[in-house]
C-alpha atoms as a PDB file:
ATOM      1  CA  UNK A   1     -24.950  50.841  27.728  1.00  0.00           C
ATOM      2  CA  UNK A   2     -23.775  53.921  29.598  1.00  0.00           C
ATOM      3  CA  UNK A   3     -25.053  52.484  32.916  1.00  0.00           C
ATOM      4  CA  UNK A   4     -22.419  49.756  32.749  1.00  0.00           C
ATOM      5  CA  UNK A   5     -19.655  52.225  31.862  1.00  0.00           C
ATOM      6  CA  UNK A   6     -20.654  54.352  34.859  1.00  0.00           C
ATOM      7  CA  UNK A   7     -19.962  51.518  37.317  1.00  0.00           C
ATOM      8  CA  UNK A   8     -16.731  51.847  39.278  1.00  0.00           C
ATOM      9  CA  UNK A   9     -16.378  48.064  39.583  1.00  0.00           C
ATOM     10  CA  UNK A  10     -17.769  44.882  37.966  1.00  0.00           C
ATOM     11  CA  UNK A  11     -21.493  44.606  38.584  1.00  0.00           C
ATOM     12  CA  UNK A  12     -24.346  42.113  38.331  1.00  0.00           C
ATOM     13  CA  UNK A  13     -27.375  41.977  36.065  1.00  0.00           C
ATOM     14  CA  UNK A  14     -29.648  42.588  39.051  1.00  0.00           C
ATOM     15  CA  UNK A  15     -27.752  45.740  40.003  1.00  0.00           C
ATOM     16  CA  UNK A  16     -27.948  47.083  36.450  1.00  0.00           C
ATOM     17  CA  UNK A  17     -31.686  46.357  36.318  1.00  0.00           C
ATOM     18  CA  UNK A  18     -32.163  48.291  39.557  1.00  0.00           C
ATOM     19  CA  UNK A  19     -30.030  51.189  38.312  1.00  0.00           C
ATOM     20  CA  UNK A  20     -31.533  51.476  34.836  1.00  0.00           C
ATOM     21  CA  UNK A  21     -35.167  50.697  35.632  1.00  0.00           C
ATOM     22  CA  UNK A  22     -35.339  48.468  32.532  1.00  0.00           C
ATOM     23  CA  UNK A  23     -36.719  44.927  32.383  1.00  0.00           C
ATOM     24  CA  UNK A  24     -34.174  42.198  33.136  1.00  0.00           C
ATOM     25  CA  UNK A  25     -34.554  40.633  29.673  1.00  0.00           C
ATOM     26  CA  UNK A  26     -33.862  43.975  28.003  1.00  0.00           C
ATOM     27  CA  UNK A  27     -30.755  44.579  30.103  1.00  0.00           C
ATOM     28  CA  UNK A  28     -29.536  41.006  29.507  1.00  0.00           C
ATOM     29  CA  UNK A  29     -29.957  41.427  25.738  1.00  0.00           C
ATOM     30  CA  UNK A  30     -27.916  44.648  25.768  1.00  0.00           C
ATOM     31  CA  UNK A  31     -25.221  43.055  27.912  1.00  0.00           C
ATOM     32  CA  UNK A  32     -24.981  40.018  25.631  1.00  0.00           C
ATOM     33  CA  UNK A  33     -24.598  42.336  22.630  1.00  0.00           C
ATOM     34  CA  UNK A  34     -21.849  44.313  24.391  1.00  0.00           C
ATOM     35  CA  UNK A  35     -19.996  41.116  25.285  1.00  0.00           C
ATOM     36  CA  UNK A  36     -20.219  39.811  21.695  1.00  0.00           C
ATOM     37  CA  UNK A  37     -18.964  43.164  20.416  1.00  0.00           C
ATOM     38  CA  UNK A  38     -15.996  43.057  22.765  1.00  0.00           C
ATOM     39  CA  UNK A  39     -17.220  46.169  24.589  1.00  0.00           C
ATOM     40  CA  UNK A  40     -17.845  44.361  27.874  1.00  0.00           C
ATOM     41  CA  UNK A  41     -16.400  41.381  29.742  1.00  0.00           C
ATOM     42  CA  UNK A  42     -18.488  38.767  31.600  1.00  0.00           C
ATOM     43  CA  UNK A  43     -17.177  36.361  34.218  1.00  0.00           C
ATOM     44  CA  UNK A  44     -18.605  34.471  37.223  1.00  0.00           C
ATOM     45  CA  UNK A  45     -18.417  36.022  40.670  1.00  0.00           C
ATOM     46  CA  UNK A  46     -16.790  34.212  43.592  1.00  0.00           C
ATOM     47  CA  UNK A  47     -19.159  31.443  44.769  1.00  0.00           C
ATOM     48  CA  UNK A  48     -20.957  32.251  48.015  1.00  0.00           C
ATOM     49  CA  UNK A  49     -23.089  29.456  49.388  1.00  0.00           C
ATOM     50  CA  UNK A  50     -25.245  27.158  47.302  1.00  0.00           C
ATOM     51  CA  UNK A  51     -26.276  27.755  43.723  1.00  0.00           C
ATOM     52  CA  UNK A  52     -24.467  29.061  40.719  1.00  0.00           C
ATOM     53  CA  UNK A  53     -22.485  32.273  41.175  1.00  0.00           C
ATOM     54  CA  UNK A  54     -23.870  35.411  39.561  1.00  0.00           C
ATOM     55  CA  UNK A  55     -22.282  36.785  36.404  1.00  0.00           C
ATOM     56  CA  UNK A  56     -20.311  39.993  36.748  1.00  0.00           C
ATOM     57  CA  UNK A  57     -20.149  42.502  33.895  1.00  0.00           C
ATOM     58  CA  UNK A  58     -17.452  45.086  33.294  1.00  0.00           C
ATOM     59  CA  UNK A  59     -17.106  47.658  30.505  1.00  0.00           C
ATOM     60  CA  UNK A  60     -13.951  47.294  28.431  1.00  0.00           C
ATOM     61  CA  UNK A  61     -11.588  50.207  27.766  1.00  0.00           C
ATOM     62  CA  UNK A  62      -9.691  51.145  24.616  1.00  0.00           C
ATOM     63  CA  UNK A  63     -11.668  51.891  21.469  1.00  0.00           C
ATOM     64  CA  UNK A  64     -14.942  50.983  23.162  1.00  0.00           C
ATOM     65  CA  UNK A  65     -15.531  54.634  24.054  1.00  0.00           C
ATOM     66  CA  UNK A  66     -16.215  55.505  20.412  1.00  0.00           C
ATOM     67  CA  UNK A  67     -19.003  52.935  20.045  1.00  0.00           C
ATOM     68  CA  UNK A  68     -21.705  54.765  22.068  1.00  0.00           C
ATOM     69  CA  UNK A  69     -21.168  57.898  19.965  1.00  0.00           C
ATOM     70  CA  UNK A  70     -21.598  55.937  16.725  1.00  0.00           C
ATOM     71  CA  UNK A  71     -24.677  54.183  18.092  1.00  0.00           C
ATOM     72  CA  UNK A  72     -26.081  57.492  19.298  1.00  0.00           C
ATOM     73  CA  UNK A  73     -25.648  59.079  15.880  1.00  0.00           C
ATOM     74  CA  UNK A  74     -27.284  56.105  14.160  1.00  0.00           C
ATOM     75  CA  UNK A  75     -30.160  56.255  16.647  1.00  0.00           C
ATOM     76  CA  UNK A  76     -30.668  59.967  15.988  1.00  0.00           C
ATOM     77  CA  UNK A  77     -30.717  59.403  12.217  1.00  0.00           C
ATOM     78  CA  UNK A  78     -33.161  56.510  12.592  1.00  0.00           C
ATOM     79  CA  UNK A  79     -35.420  58.675  14.762  1.00  0.00           C
ATOM     80  CA  UNK A  80     -35.368  61.474  12.177  1.00  0.00           C
ATOM     81  CA  UNK A  81     -36.279  59.131   9.311  1.00  0.00           C
ATOM     82  CA  UNK A  82     -38.971  57.462  11.409  1.00  0.00           C
ATOM     83  CA  UNK A  83     -40.464  60.844  12.317  1.00  0.00           C
ATOM     84  CA  UNK A  84     -40.240  62.711   8.995  1.00  0.00           C
ATOM     85  CA  UNK A  85     -40.555  60.102   6.248  1.00  0.00           C
ATOM     86  CA  UNK A  86     -43.929  59.198   4.788  1.00  0.00           C
ATOM     87  CA  UNK A  87     -42.539  55.723   4.034  1.00  0.00           C
ATOM     88  CA  UNK A  88     -39.722  55.040   6.514  1.00  0.00           C
ATOM     89  CA  UNK A  89     -39.312  51.361   5.659  1.00  0.00           C
ATOM     90  CA  UNK A  90     -38.980  51.991   1.928  1.00  0.00           C
ATOM     91  CA  UNK A  91     -36.606  54.916   2.456  1.00  0.00           C
ATOM     92  CA  UNK A  92     -34.499  52.850   4.855  1.00  0.00           C
ATOM     93  CA  UNK A  93     -34.262  49.946   2.404  1.00  0.00           C
ATOM     94  CA  UNK A  94     -33.214  52.302  -0.419  1.00  0.00           C
ATOM     95  CA  UNK A  95     -30.508  53.821   1.796  1.00  0.00           C
ATOM     96  CA  UNK A  96     -29.372  50.361   2.832  1.00  0.00           C
ATOM     97  CA  UNK A  97     -29.139  49.181  -0.771  1.00  0.00           C
ATOM     98  CA  UNK A  98     -26.891  52.090  -1.652  1.00  0.00           C
ATOM     99  CA  UNK A  99     -24.745  51.267   1.361  1.00  0.00           C
ATOM    100  CA  UNK A 100     -24.626  47.592   0.381  1.00  0.00           C
ATOM    101  CA  UNK A 101     -23.490  48.479  -3.142  1.00  0.00           C
ATOM    102  CA  UNK A 102     -20.798  50.768  -1.729  1.00  0.00           C
ATOM    103  CA  UNK A 103     -19.500  48.230   0.812  1.00  0.00           C
ATOM    104  CA  UNK A 104     -19.365  45.463  -1.795  1.00  0.00           C
ATOM    105  CA  UNK A 105     -17.538  47.690  -4.278  1.00  0.00           C
ATOM    106  CA  UNK A 106     -14.983  48.566  -1.598  1.00  0.00           C
ATOM    107  CA  UNK A 107     -14.306  44.819  -1.334  1.00  0.00           C
ATOM    108  CA  UNK A 108     -13.744  44.667  -5.092  1.00  0.00           C
ATOM    109  CA  UNK A 109     -17.055  42.936  -5.783  1.00  0.00           C
ATOM    110  CA  UNK A 110     -17.812  41.531  -9.206  1.00  0.00           C
ATOM    111  CA  UNK A 111     -20.407  39.017 -10.403  1.00  0.00           C
ATOM    112  CA  UNK A 112     -19.587  35.482  -9.278  1.00  0.00           C
ATOM    113  CA  UNK A 113     -20.435  32.177 -11.017  1.00  0.00           C
ATOM    114  CA  UNK A 114     -23.461  31.189  -8.926  1.00  0.00           C
ATOM    115  CA  UNK A 115     -26.126  32.525  -6.600  1.00  0.00           C
ATOM    116  CA  UNK A 116     -24.693  30.406  -3.790  1.00  0.00           C
ATOM    117  CA  UNK A 117     -21.279  32.016  -4.254  1.00  0.00           C
ATOM    118  CA  UNK A 118     -22.910  35.454  -4.243  1.00  0.00           C
ATOM    119  CA  UNK A 119     -24.741  34.692  -1.015  1.00  0.00           C
ATOM    120  CA  UNK A 120     -21.513  33.476   0.589  1.00  0.00           C
ATOM    121  CA  UNK A 121     -19.819  36.732  -0.350  1.00  0.00           C
ATOM    122  CA  UNK A 122     -22.672  38.661   1.269  1.00  0.00           C
ATOM    123  CA  UNK A 123     -22.375  36.579   4.441  1.00  0.00           C
ATOM    124  CA  UNK A 124     -18.661  37.382   4.512  1.00  0.00           C
ATOM    125  CA  UNK A 125     -19.428  41.079   4.140  1.00  0.00           C
ATOM    126  CA  UNK A 126     -21.991  40.907   6.956  1.00  0.00           C
ATOM    127  CA  UNK A 127     -19.348  39.308   9.140  1.00  0.00           C
ATOM    128  CA  UNK A 128     -16.922  42.160   8.395  1.00  0.00           C
ATOM    129  CA  UNK A 129     -19.579  44.752   9.243  1.00  0.00           C
ATOM    130  CA  UNK A 130     -20.184  43.102  12.622  1.00  0.00           C
ATOM    131  CA  UNK A 131     -23.324  40.956  12.407  1.00  0.00           C
ATOM    132  CA  UNK A 132     -21.581  37.692  13.437  1.00  0.00           C
ATOM    133  CA  UNK A 133     -23.620  35.736  10.843  1.00  0.00           C
ATOM    134  CA  UNK A 134     -24.259  31.991  11.016  1.00  0.00           C
ATOM    135  CA  UNK A 135     -25.345  30.656   7.629  1.00  0.00           C
ATOM    136  CA  UNK A 136     -26.731  27.319   6.487  1.00  0.00           C
ATOM    137  CA  UNK A 137     -24.828  25.195   3.960  1.00  0.00           C
ATOM    138  CA  UNK A 138     -26.046  27.172   0.935  1.00  0.00           C
ATOM    139  CA  UNK A 139     -26.108  30.556   2.713  1.00  0.00           C
ATOM    140  CA  UNK A 140     -29.836  30.761   2.062  1.00  0.00           C
ATOM    141  CA  UNK A 141     -30.817  31.404   5.674  1.00  0.00           C
ATOM    142  CA  UNK A 142     -28.491  33.437   7.864  1.00  0.00           C
ATOM    143  CA  UNK A 143     -28.768  33.954  11.616  1.00  0.00           C
ATOM    144  CA  UNK A 144     -27.511  37.416  12.523  1.00  0.00           C
ATOM    145  CA  UNK A 145     -26.344  36.835  16.083  1.00  0.00           C
ATOM    146  CA  UNK A 146     -25.122  40.372  16.682  1.00  0.00           C
ATOM    147  CA  UNK A 147     -26.625  43.742  15.813  1.00  0.00           C
ATOM    148  CA  UNK A 148     -24.185  46.651  15.700  1.00  0.00           C
ATOM    149  CA  UNK A 149     -27.120  48.972  16.447  1.00  0.00           C
ATOM    150  CA  UNK A 150     -29.215  46.890  18.817  1.00  0.00           C
ATOM    151  CA  UNK A 151     -30.647  49.731  20.901  1.00  0.00           C
ATOM    152  CA  UNK A 152     -31.680  51.743  17.837  1.00  0.00           C
ATOM    153  CA  UNK A 153     -33.115  48.578  16.250  1.00  0.00           C
ATOM    154  CA  UNK A 154     -35.364  48.049  19.268  1.00  0.00           C
ATOM    155  CA  UNK A 155     -36.592  51.647  19.129  1.00  0.00           C
ATOM    156  CA  UNK A 156     -36.897  52.018  15.351  1.00  0.00           C
ATOM    157  CA  UNK A 157     -36.946  48.539  13.789  1.00  0.00           C
ATOM    158  CA  UNK A 158     -38.682  49.840  10.667  1.00  0.00           C
ATOM    159  CA  UNK A 159     -35.689  52.046   9.874  1.00  0.00           C
ATOM    160  CA  UNK A 160     -32.686  50.152  11.254  1.00  0.00           C
ATOM    161  CA  UNK A 161     -33.827  46.724  10.070  1.00  0.00           C
ATOM    162  CA  UNK A 162     -34.868  48.238   6.742  1.00  0.00           C
ATOM    163  CA  UNK A 163     -31.341  49.569   6.246  1.00  0.00           C
ATOM    164  CA  UNK A 164     -29.878  46.168   7.094  1.00  0.00           C
ATOM    165  CA  UNK A 165     -32.209  44.421   4.657  1.00  0.00           C
ATOM    166  CA  UNK A 166     -31.268  46.896   1.936  1.00  0.00           C
ATOM    167  CA  UNK A 167     -27.587  46.361   2.704  1.00  0.00           C
ATOM    168  CA  UNK A 168     -27.944  42.656   1.941  1.00  0.00           C
ATOM    169  CA  UNK A 169     -29.944  43.354  -1.225  1.00  0.00           C
ATOM    170  CA  UNK A 170     -27.459  45.873  -2.580  1.00  0.00           C
ATOM    171  CA  UNK A 171     -24.520  43.585  -1.890  1.00  0.00           C
ATOM    172  CA  UNK A 172     -26.275  40.658  -3.596  1.00  0.00           C
ATOM    173  CA  UNK A 173     -26.744  42.776  -6.712  1.00  0.00           C
ATOM    174  CA  UNK A 174     -23.055  43.703  -6.775  1.00  0.00           C
ATOM    175  CA  UNK A 175     -22.175  40.003  -6.767  1.00  0.00           C
ATOM    176  CA  UNK A 176     -24.595  39.353  -9.632  1.00  0.00           C
ATOM    177  CA  UNK A 177     -27.445  37.720  -7.685  1.00  0.00           C
ATOM    178  CA  UNK A 178     -31.138  38.610  -7.771  1.00  0.00           C
ATOM    179  CA  UNK A 179     -32.173  40.189  -4.440  1.00  0.00           C
ATOM    180  CA  UNK A 180     -35.865  39.544  -5.087  1.00  0.00           C
ATOM    181  CA  UNK A 181     -37.355  37.581  -2.205  1.00  0.00           C
ATOM    182  CA  UNK A 182     -34.708  38.642   0.322  1.00  0.00           C
ATOM    183  CA  UNK A 183     -36.326  39.003   3.723  1.00  0.00           C
ATOM    184  CA  UNK A 184     -35.158  40.051   7.173  1.00  0.00           C
ATOM    185  CA  UNK A 185     -37.099  38.847  10.203  1.00  0.00           C
ATOM    186  CA  UNK A 186     -36.014  40.998  13.158  1.00  0.00           C
ATOM    187  CA  UNK A 187     -35.646  39.266  16.528  1.00  0.00           C
ATOM    188  CA  UNK A 188     -36.964  36.033  14.999  1.00  0.00           C
ATOM    189  CA  UNK A 189     -35.447  33.963  17.791  1.00  0.00           C
ATOM    190  CA  UNK A 190     -33.717  34.609  21.096  1.00  0.00           C
ATOM    191  CA  UNK A 191     -30.426  36.335  20.412  1.00  0.00           C
ATOM    192  CA  UNK A 192     -30.704  36.461  16.620  1.00  0.00           C
ATOM    193  CA  UNK A 193     -32.476  37.969  13.634  1.00  0.00           C
ATOM    194  CA  UNK A 194     -33.041  35.757  10.600  1.00  0.00           C
ATOM    195  CA  UNK A 195     -32.072  36.863   7.104  1.00  0.00           C
ATOM    196  CA  UNK A 196     -33.414  34.913   4.130  1.00  0.00           C
ATOM    197  CA  UNK A 197     -31.214  35.526   1.101  1.00  0.00           C
ATOM    198  CA  UNK A 198     -33.545  33.544  -1.157  1.00  0.00           C
ATOM    199  CA  UNK A 199     -37.306  33.524  -1.426  1.00  0.00           C
ATOM    200  CA  UNK A 200     -38.835  31.297   1.232  1.00  0.00           C
ATOM    201  CA  UNK A 201     -40.855  28.306  -0.053  1.00  0.00           C
END
Protein backbone atom coordinates (compact mmCIF):
# COMPACT_ATOMS: atom_id res chain seq x y z
CA UNK A 1 0.00 0.00 0.00
CA UNK A 2 1.68 3.17 -1.23
CA UNK A 3 -0.15 5.25 1.42
CA UNK A 4 1.81 3.50 4.15
CA UNK A 5 5.12 3.93 2.32
CA UNK A 6 4.39 7.65 1.96
CA UNK A 7 4.23 8.16 5.74
CA UNK A 8 7.28 9.80 7.27
CA UNK A 9 6.75 8.01 10.59
CA UNK A 10 4.82 5.01 11.98
CA UNK A 11 1.09 5.58 11.68
CA UNK A 12 -2.22 4.19 12.90
CA UNK A 13 -5.01 2.37 11.10
CA UNK A 14 -7.32 5.34 11.67
CA UNK A 15 -4.85 7.73 10.06
CA UNK A 16 -4.46 5.48 7.02
CA UNK A 17 -8.24 5.18 6.68
CA UNK A 18 -8.53 8.97 6.73
CA UNK A 19 -5.71 9.37 4.20
CA UNK A 20 -6.82 6.68 1.76
CA UNK A 21 -10.59 7.13 1.98
CA UNK A 22 -11.01 3.33 2.09
CA UNK A 23 -13.13 1.38 4.56
CA UNK A 24 -11.33 0.40 7.77
CA UNK A 25 -11.77 -3.33 7.10
CA UNK A 26 -10.22 -2.98 3.66
CA UNK A 27 -7.23 -1.06 5.01
CA UNK A 28 -6.80 -3.55 7.88
CA UNK A 29 -6.81 -6.47 5.42
CA UNK A 30 -4.11 -4.82 3.29
CA UNK A 31 -2.02 -4.02 6.36
CA UNK A 32 -2.29 -7.59 7.66
CA UNK A 33 -1.16 -8.88 4.26
CA UNK A 34 1.82 -6.49 4.24
CA UNK A 35 2.83 -7.56 7.74
CA UNK A 36 2.61 -11.27 6.83
CA UNK A 37 4.68 -10.61 3.71
CA UNK A 38 7.35 -8.85 5.74
CA UNK A 39 6.71 -5.58 3.91
CA UNK A 40 5.43 -3.75 6.99
CA UNK A 41 6.02 -3.87 10.74
CA UNK A 42 3.26 -3.60 13.38
CA UNK A 43 3.78 -2.76 17.04
CA UNK A 44 1.73 -1.17 19.85
CA UNK A 45 1.98 2.55 20.48
CA UNK A 46 2.92 3.94 23.89
CA UNK A 47 -0.10 3.57 26.22
CA UNK A 48 -1.92 6.84 26.88
CA UNK A 49 -4.73 6.60 29.39
CA UNK A 50 -7.17 3.73 29.64
CA UNK A 51 -7.75 1.10 27.00
CA UNK A 52 -5.46 -0.82 24.76
CA UNK A 53 -2.85 1.18 22.85
CA UNK A 54 -3.36 1.59 19.12
CA UNK A 55 -1.26 -0.42 16.68
CA UNK A 56 1.35 1.49 14.71
CA UNK A 57 2.30 0.43 11.19
CA UNK A 58 5.54 1.17 9.39
CA UNK A 59 6.68 0.19 5.89
CA UNK A 60 9.83 -1.92 5.81
CA UNK A 61 12.83 -1.04 3.63
CA UNK A 62 15.14 -3.29 1.63
CA UNK A 63 13.64 -5.43 -1.12
CA UNK A 64 10.12 -4.31 -0.24
CA UNK A 65 10.29 -1.56 -2.86
CA UNK A 66 10.12 -4.12 -5.68
CA UNK A 67 6.86 -5.66 -4.43
CA UNK A 68 4.49 -2.83 -5.46
CA UNK A 69 5.88 -2.94 -9.01
CA UNK A 70 5.28 -6.69 -9.25
CA UNK A 71 1.79 -6.32 -7.81
CA UNK A 72 1.07 -3.45 -10.18
CA UNK A 73 2.12 -5.49 -13.19
CA UNK A 74 0.01 -8.45 -12.08
CA UNK A 75 -2.95 -6.12 -11.54
CA UNK A 76 -2.56 -4.65 -15.02
CA UNK A 77 -2.43 -8.12 -16.59
CA UNK A 78 -5.49 -9.23 -14.61
CA UNK A 79 -7.37 -6.11 -15.73
CA UNK A 80 -6.48 -6.78 -19.38
CA UNK A 81 -7.66 -10.41 -19.22
CA UNK A 82 -10.82 -9.39 -17.36
CA UNK A 83 -11.58 -6.73 -19.97
CA UNK A 84 -10.68 -8.53 -23.21
CA UNK A 85 -11.35 -12.23 -22.64
CA UNK A 86 -14.71 -13.76 -23.47
CA UNK A 87 -14.08 -16.34 -20.72
CA UNK A 88 -11.70 -14.77 -18.19
CA UNK A 89 -12.06 -17.49 -15.56
CA UNK A 90 -11.29 -20.31 -17.99
CA UNK A 91 -8.37 -18.42 -19.54
CA UNK A 92 -6.98 -17.63 -16.08
CA UNK A 93 -7.21 -21.27 -14.98
CA UNK A 94 -5.43 -22.43 -18.16
CA UNK A 95 -2.64 -19.90 -17.58
CA UNK A 96 -2.40 -20.95 -13.96
CA UNK A 97 -2.15 -24.63 -14.87
CA UNK A 98 0.76 -23.93 -17.18
CA UNK A 99 2.41 -21.96 -14.41
CA UNK A 100 1.78 -24.77 -11.92
CA UNK A 101 3.37 -27.31 -14.26
CA UNK A 102 6.38 -25.04 -14.74
CA UNK A 103 6.87 -24.34 -11.02
CA UNK A 104 6.59 -28.03 -10.13
CA UNK A 105 9.06 -29.02 -12.85
CA UNK A 106 11.53 -26.43 -11.53
CA UNK A 107 11.32 -28.27 -8.19
CA UNK A 108 12.14 -31.54 -9.95
CA UNK A 109 8.59 -32.87 -9.68
CA UNK A 110 7.81 -36.46 -10.54
CA UNK A 111 4.82 -38.68 -9.74
CA UNK A 112 4.74 -39.68 -6.08
CA UNK A 113 3.31 -42.88 -4.52
CA UNK A 114 -0.02 -41.48 -3.30
CA UNK A 115 -2.49 -38.66 -3.76
CA UNK A 116 -1.80 -37.52 -0.20
CA UNK A 117 1.91 -37.23 -0.97
CA UNK A 118 1.10 -35.28 -4.13
CA UNK A 119 -1.11 -32.88 -2.21
CA UNK A 120 1.62 -32.36 0.38
CA UNK A 121 4.08 -31.49 -2.37
CA UNK A 122 1.61 -28.93 -3.73
CA UNK A 123 1.17 -27.40 -0.28
CA UNK A 124 4.95 -27.11 -0.03
CA UNK A 125 5.07 -25.39 -3.41
CA UNK A 126 2.32 -22.98 -2.36
CA UNK A 127 4.35 -22.15 0.72
CA UNK A 128 7.40 -21.37 -1.43
CA UNK A 129 5.34 -19.12 -3.70
CA UNK A 130 4.11 -17.13 -0.69
CA UNK A 131 0.59 -18.29 0.21
CA UNK A 132 1.47 -19.28 3.82
CA UNK A 133 -0.74 -22.40 3.55
CA UNK A 134 -2.21 -24.24 6.53
CA UNK A 135 -3.30 -27.75 5.55
CA UNK A 136 -5.30 -30.43 7.33
CA UNK A 137 -3.72 -33.80 8.15
CA UNK A 138 -4.22 -35.21 4.64
CA UNK A 139 -3.66 -31.89 2.83
CA UNK A 140 -7.19 -32.13 1.45
CA UNK A 141 -8.29 -28.69 2.63
CA UNK A 142 -5.75 -25.88 2.69
CA UNK A 143 -6.20 -22.43 4.21
CA UNK A 144 -4.28 -19.87 2.18
CA UNK A 145 -3.56 -17.26 4.82
CA UNK A 146 -1.63 -14.92 2.55
CA UNK A 147 -2.26 -13.75 -1.00
CA UNK A 148 0.77 -12.41 -2.85
CA UNK A 149 -1.62 -10.37 -5.02
CA UNK A 150 -4.31 -9.39 -2.55
CA UNK A 151 -5.23 -6.03 -4.07
CA UNK A 152 -5.54 -7.46 -7.59
CA UNK A 153 -7.51 -10.42 -6.20
CA UNK A 154 -10.06 -8.05 -4.67
CA UNK A 155 -10.43 -6.16 -7.96
CA UNK A 156 -10.34 -9.12 -10.35
CA UNK A 157 -11.05 -12.31 -8.37
CA UNK A 158 -12.19 -14.14 -11.50
CA UNK A 159 -8.72 -13.78 -13.02
CA UNK A 160 -6.34 -13.80 -10.05
CA UNK A 161 -8.13 -16.58 -8.16
CA UNK A 162 -8.53 -18.51 -11.41
CA UNK A 163 -4.76 -18.40 -11.94
CA UNK A 164 -4.18 -19.60 -8.39
CA UNK A 165 -6.64 -22.46 -8.81
CA UNK A 166 -4.95 -23.47 -12.06
CA UNK A 167 -1.55 -23.31 -10.36
CA UNK A 168 -2.67 -25.93 -7.84
CA UNK A 169 -4.20 -28.11 -10.57
CA UNK A 170 -1.11 -28.03 -12.76
CA UNK A 171 1.17 -28.84 -9.85
CA UNK A 172 -1.05 -31.75 -8.80
CA UNK A 173 -0.78 -33.21 -12.29
CA UNK A 174 3.01 -32.96 -12.22
CA UNK A 175 3.04 -35.00 -9.01
CA UNK A 176 0.77 -37.62 -10.57
CA UNK A 177 -2.52 -36.71 -8.87
CA UNK A 178 -5.90 -36.10 -10.49
CA UNK A 179 -6.82 -32.39 -10.23
CA UNK A 180 -10.50 -33.08 -10.91
CA UNK A 181 -12.62 -31.63 -8.12
CA UNK A 182 -10.01 -29.08 -7.02
CA UNK A 183 -11.77 -25.94 -5.87
CA UNK A 184 -10.68 -22.54 -4.60
CA UNK A 185 -13.08 -20.53 -2.45
CA UNK A 186 -11.78 -16.95 -2.37
CA UNK A 187 -12.08 -15.06 0.93
CA UNK A 188 -13.97 -18.02 2.43
CA UNK A 189 -13.18 -16.87 5.96
CA UNK A 190 -11.62 -13.83 7.60
CA UNK A 191 -7.98 -13.66 6.60
CA UNK A 192 -7.92 -16.77 4.40
CA UNK A 193 -9.06 -18.37 1.17
CA UNK A 194 -9.86 -22.08 1.21
CA UNK A 195 -8.39 -24.48 -1.33
CA UNK A 196 -9.90 -27.96 -1.65
CA UNK A 197 -7.38 -30.29 -3.26
CA UNK A 198 -9.91 -33.13 -3.40
CA UNK A 199 -13.54 -33.16 -4.40
CA UNK A 200 -15.74 -32.04 -1.52
CA UNK A 201 -18.27 -34.62 -0.25
